Amino acid sequence: FDLIALAEAAIRLDYINRAQKRLKDKLSKEYKIIWKEFEKKARLKGLLKLWVQCYPESRGAVNRFLQLLPVRHWIAHGRYYTLRAKIQDQQIVKETVDEILNAGIINMSALPAGAIQKQFFV
């Protein structure tokens, strides 16, 4: 489930980039408000909620991505509890992550060089 972690990293890096620069779009302004209180500790679900507020057309992609997170957390945190989410097929995971990364919201070119590995999407 490296793809899910990759998308999460891209979302967080985009948040940091937008919060620290003088960008004028609505999402960047919202991110700056969150940054003042939480800095790098902003919750992923909160950032995605802002995505949907600023880009309502992203609601479907965001909801599908949020459904993947419990499995990613279950794996990342040692599987010490009973998983109540459905483990998705790898193709569904790839399509969902691809949809998130290519939604046109994350400015991929503004992310640090090498931050997002293109080989995941070959």
C-alpha atoms as a PDB file:
ATOM      1  CA  PHE A   1       0.000   0.000   0.000  1.00  0.00           C
ATOM      2  CA  ASP A   2       2.875   2.264  -0.867  1.00  0.00           C
ATOM      3  CA  LEU A   3       0.623   4.011  -3.389  1.00  0.00           C
ATOM      4  CA  ILE A   4      -1.714   5.223  -0.666  1.00  0.00           C
ATOM      5  CA  ALA A   5       1.241   6.535   1.360  1.00  0.00           C
ATOM      6  CA  LEU A   6       2.585   8.177  -1.799  1.00  0.00           C
ATOM      7  CA  ALA A   7      -0.685  10.035  -2.353  1.00  0.00           C
ATOM      8  CA  GLU A   8      -0.803  11.061   1.305  1.00  0.00           C
ATOM      9  CA  ALA A   9       2.741  12.436   1.036  1.00  0.00           C
ATOM     10  CA  ALA A  10       1.861  14.358  -2.129  1.00  0.00           C
ATOM     11  CA  ILE A  11      -1.193  15.893  -0.443  1.00  0.00           C
ATOM     12  CA  ARG A  12       0.854  16.896   2.611  1.00  0.00           C
ATOM     13  CA  LEU A  13       3.724  18.305   0.525  1.00  0.00           C
ATOM     14  CA  ASP A  14       1.246  20.296  -1.548  1.00  0.00           C
ATOM     15  CA  TYR A  15      -0.314  21.609   1.688  1.00  0.00           C
ATOM     16  CA  ILE A  16       3.074  22.740   3.003  1.00  0.00           C
ATOM     17  CA  ASN A  17       3.984  24.314  -0.332  1.00  0.00           C
ATOM     18  CA  ARG A  18       0.686  26.202  -0.609  1.00  0.00           C
ATOM     19  CA  ALA A  19       0.710  27.284   3.043  1.00  0.00           C
ATOM     20  CA  GLN A  20       4.205  28.757   2.834  1.00  0.00           C
ATOM     21  CA  LYS A  21       3.915  30.532  -0.517  1.00  0.00           C
ATOM     22  CA  ARG A  22       1.952  33.593  -1.530  1.00  0.00           C
ATOM     23  CA  LEU A  23      -0.528  31.770  -3.720  1.00  0.00           C
ATOM     24  CA  LYS A  24      -3.901  33.459  -4.149  1.00  0.00           C
ATOM     25  CA  ASP A  25      -6.225  30.554  -4.983  1.00  0.00           C
ATOM     26  CA  LYS A  26      -8.971  29.640  -2.510  1.00  0.00           C
ATOM     27  CA  LEU A  27      -7.396  26.354  -1.380  1.00  0.00           C
ATOM     28  CA  SER A  28      -4.045  28.029  -0.646  1.00  0.00           C
ATOM     29  CA  LYS A  29      -5.788  30.684   1.447  1.00  0.00           C
ATOM     30  CA  GLU A  30      -7.604  27.974   3.420  1.00  0.00           C
ATOM     31  CA  TYR A  31      -4.345  26.073   3.898  1.00  0.00           C
ATOM     32  CA  LYS A  32      -2.666  29.214   5.275  1.00  0.00           C
ATOM     33  CA  ILE A  33      -5.373  29.495   7.929  1.00  0.00           C
ATOM     34  CA  ILE A  34      -4.848  25.853   8.956  1.00  0.00           C
ATOM     35  CA  TRP A  35      -1.051  26.305   8.873  1.00  0.00           C
ATOM     36  CA  LYS A  36      -1.195  29.142  11.420  1.00  0.00           C
ATOM     37  CA  GLU A  37      -2.717  26.803  13.990  1.00  0.00           C
ATOM     38  CA  PHE A  38      -1.393  23.333  13.144  1.00  0.00           C
ATOM     39  CA  GLU A  39       1.619  23.777  10.838  1.00  0.00           C
ATOM     40  CA  LYS A  40       2.759  20.288   9.731  1.00  0.00           C
ATOM     41  CA  LYS A  41       0.392  18.567  12.162  1.00  0.00           C
ATOM     42  CA  ALA A  42      -2.738  19.245  10.101  1.00  0.00           C
ATOM     43  CA  ARG A  43      -4.962  16.181   9.753  1.00  0.00           C
ATOM     44  CA  LEU A  44      -5.180  14.597   6.318  1.00  0.00           C
ATOM     45  CA  LYS A  45      -8.957  14.308   6.510  1.00  0.00           C
ATOM     46  CA  GLY A  46      -9.157  18.023   7.280  1.00  0.00           C
ATOM     47  CA  LEU A  47      -7.031  18.862   4.250  1.00  0.00           C
ATOM     48  CA  LEU A  48      -9.199  16.665   2.033  1.00  0.00           C
ATOM     49  CA  LYS A  49     -12.329  18.286   3.438  1.00  0.00           C
ATOM     50  CA  LEU A  50     -10.939  21.625   2.268  1.00  0.00           C
ATOM     51  CA  TRP A  51     -10.304  20.080  -1.174  1.00  0.00           C
ATOM     52  CA  VAL A  52     -13.984  19.223  -1.456  1.00  0.00           C
ATOM     53  CA  GLN A  53     -15.048  22.675  -0.239  1.00  0.00           C
ATOM     54  CA  CYS A  54     -12.824  24.422  -2.780  1.00  0.00           C
ATOM     55  CA  TYR A  55     -13.199  21.868  -5.589  1.00  0.00           C
ATOM     56  CA  PRO A  56     -16.610  20.167  -5.242  1.00  0.00           C
ATOM     57  CA  GLU A  57     -15.950  18.084  -8.354  1.00  0.00           C
ATOM     58  CA  SER A  58     -13.255  16.224  -6.368  1.00  0.00           C
ATOM     59  CA  ARG A  59     -15.788  14.799  -3.876  1.00  0.00           C
ATOM     60  CA  GLY A  60     -15.977  11.351  -5.506  1.00  0.00           C
ATOM     61  CA  ALA A  61     -12.209  10.915  -5.761  1.00  0.00           C
ATOM     62  CA  VAL A  62     -11.717  12.134  -2.188  1.00  0.00           C
ATOM     63  CA  ASN A  63     -14.383   9.776  -0.834  1.00  0.00           C
ATOM     64  CA  ARG A  64     -12.845   6.801  -2.657  1.00  0.00           C
ATOM     65  CA  PHE A  65      -9.402   7.752  -1.295  1.00  0.00           C
ATOM     66  CA  LEU A  66     -10.737   8.095   2.258  1.00  0.00           C
ATOM     67  CA  GLN A  67     -12.080   4.536   2.007  1.00  0.00           C
ATOM     68  CA  LEU A  68      -8.506   3.312   1.429  1.00  0.00           C
ATOM     69  CA  LEU A  69      -7.014   4.992   4.499  1.00  0.00           C
ATOM     70  CA  PRO A  70      -8.193   2.529   7.192  1.00  0.00           C
ATOM     71  CA  VAL A  71      -6.354  -0.318   5.460  1.00  0.00           C
ATOM     72  CA  ARG A  72      -3.210   1.801   5.062  1.00  0.00           C
ATOM     73  CA  HIS A  73      -3.332   2.725   8.769  1.00  0.00           C
ATOM     74  CA  TRP A  74      -3.995  -0.883   9.739  1.00  0.00           C
ATOM     75  CA  ILE A  75      -0.846  -1.995   7.901  1.00  0.00           C
ATOM     76  CA  ALA A  76       1.259   0.970   9.018  1.00  0.00           C
ATOM     77  CA  HIS A  77       0.393   0.561  12.688  1.00  0.00           C
ATOM     78  CA  GLY A  78       1.114  -3.107  13.114  1.00  0.00           C
ATOM     79  CA  ARG A  79      -2.275  -4.752  12.499  1.00  0.00           C
ATOM     80  CA  TYR A  80      -2.932  -5.048  16.204  1.00  0.00           C
ATOM     81  CA  TYR A  81      -6.680  -4.507  15.903  1.00  0.00           C
ATOM     82  CA  THR A  82      -9.475  -6.098  13.867  1.00  0.00           C
ATOM     83  CA  LEU A  83      -9.774  -4.479  10.463  1.00  0.00           C
ATOM     84  CA  ARG A  84     -13.328  -3.438   9.665  1.00  0.00           C
ATOM     85  CA  ALA A  85     -12.606  -2.030   6.209  1.00  0.00           C
ATOM     86  CA  LYS A  86     -12.551  -3.988   2.989  1.00  0.00           C
ATOM     87  CA  ILE A  87      -9.125  -4.564   1.466  1.00  0.00           C
ATOM     88  CA  GLN A  88      -9.343  -3.300  -2.097  1.00  0.00           C
ATOM     89  CA  ASP A  89      -7.898  -4.871  -5.211  1.00  0.00           C
ATOM     90  CA  GLN A  90      -4.510  -3.380  -6.173  1.00  0.00           C
ATOM     91  CA  GLN A  91      -5.951  -2.068  -9.456  1.00  0.00           C
ATOM     92  CA  ILE A  92      -8.671  -0.142  -7.583  1.00  0.00           C
ATOM     93  CA  VAL A  93      -6.016   1.321  -5.278  1.00  0.00           C
ATOM     94  CA  LYS A  94      -3.891   2.377  -8.262  1.00  0.00           C
ATOM     95  CA  GLU A  95      -6.853   3.954 -10.062  1.00  0.00           C
ATOM     96  CA  THR A  96      -7.968   5.833  -6.937  1.00  0.00           C
ATOM     97  CA  VAL A  97      -4.482   7.170  -6.181  1.00  0.00           C
ATOM     98  CA  ASP A  98      -3.988   8.084  -9.826  1.00  0.00           C
ATOM     99  CA  GLU A  99      -7.299   9.967  -9.744  1.00  0.00           C
ATOM    100  CA  ILE A 100      -6.240  11.902  -6.631  1.00  0.00           C
ATOM    101  CA  LEU A 101      -2.813  12.793  -7.995  1.00  0.00           C
ATOM    102  CA  ASN A 102      -4.164  13.765 -11.409  1.00  0.00           C
ATOM    103  CA  ALA A 103      -7.220  15.698 -10.219  1.00  0.00           C
ATOM    104  CA  GLY A 104      -5.449  18.942 -11.064  1.00  0.00           C
ATOM    105  CA  ILE A 105      -5.461  20.130  -7.465  1.00  0.00           C
ATOM    106  CA  ILE A 106      -1.923  19.168  -6.442  1.00  0.00           C
ATOM    107  CA  ASN A 107       0.684  21.219  -8.260  1.00  0.00           C
ATOM    108  CA  MET A 108       3.030  18.302  -8.912  1.00  0.00           C
ATOM    109  CA  SER A 109       5.701  20.532 -10.487  1.00  0.00           C
ATOM    110  CA  ALA A 110       5.938  22.590  -7.281  1.00  0.00           C
ATOM    111  CA  LEU A 111       6.775  19.574  -5.132  1.00  0.00           C
ATOM    112  CA  PRO A 112      10.429  18.925  -4.247  1.00  0.00           C
ATOM    113  CA  ALA A 113      12.369  17.079  -6.933  1.00  0.00           C
ATOM    114  CA  GLY A 114      12.145  13.333  -6.388  1.00  0.00           C
ATOM    115  CA  ALA A 115       9.336  13.664  -3.845  1.00  0.00           C
ATOM    116  CA  ILE A 116       6.911  11.756  -6.011  1.00  0.00           C
ATOM    117  CA  GLN A 117       8.307   8.777  -7.858  1.00  0.00           C
ATOM    118  CA  LYS A 118       6.830   8.465 -11.349  1.00  0.00           C
ATOM    119  CA  GLN A 119       7.767   4.768 -11.544  1.00  0.00           C
ATOM    120  CA  PHE A 120       4.718   3.990  -9.419  1.00  0.00           C
ATOM    121  CA  PHE A 121       2.527   4.946 -12.337  1.00  0.00           C
ATOM    122  CA  VAL A 122       4.195   3.085 -15.190  1.00  0.00           C
END
